[in-house]
Amino acid sequence: MASILIAPLTDIFTEEALATLAEKLQQWEISLRPQGEELDQGVENDLDDEILSDFMNDLEDEYEQADVYIPGEFPNIITIDDIRVGSLEGLIEALESLQDNLGIDDPEGSYDEEEEFNYDDDETDFMDRMEFSRLGVKSIWYDMYRIANAALELESNVILHKK
């Protein structure tokens, strides 16, 4: 099981690693916000590992995968202690690009509003079965989109935590 968190980077990085990240961000003139407990919003969504993997593979077509997304616009993934750090703004742009590919019309809508399919081989054609299999990916898209925008508004971080 994996989860998406809005939390301070101190949950996953040492002070030394944070200093290294701050130093690397300086090349894009980005200052790392102090990572206090006020950045922990108690937001955590549990996700199926297989569906998350499918989602991240789709997302990688738009933006390189990361384990953590932080506020600030920078073009490259930064690796600190085997943890990949990406731009929260870049993630949101990638999600918006992926939206059309997933057939999501209203990003403010919800997974519950998506058309449900009755999975019956006799009455469902191949394309409908493919769409049914993508509902989990769409569900993660809605979660990720809302969480990423909330984190950006709070100037916090999105952490993908694999348990």
Foldseek 3Di string as FASTA:
>chain_A
DKKKFQAFCVVPDDPVLVVVVQVVCVVVPDGDDDHDGVRGPVDMDDADPVLVVVLQVLLCVQPNDFQKEADDDDRDWDAGPNGTYHHLVSSLVSLVVCCVVLVNDDLVDALVPDDADDPDVVPDDPVRVVNNVCSSSVRVSSVSNVVSVVCNVVRTMMGIGDD
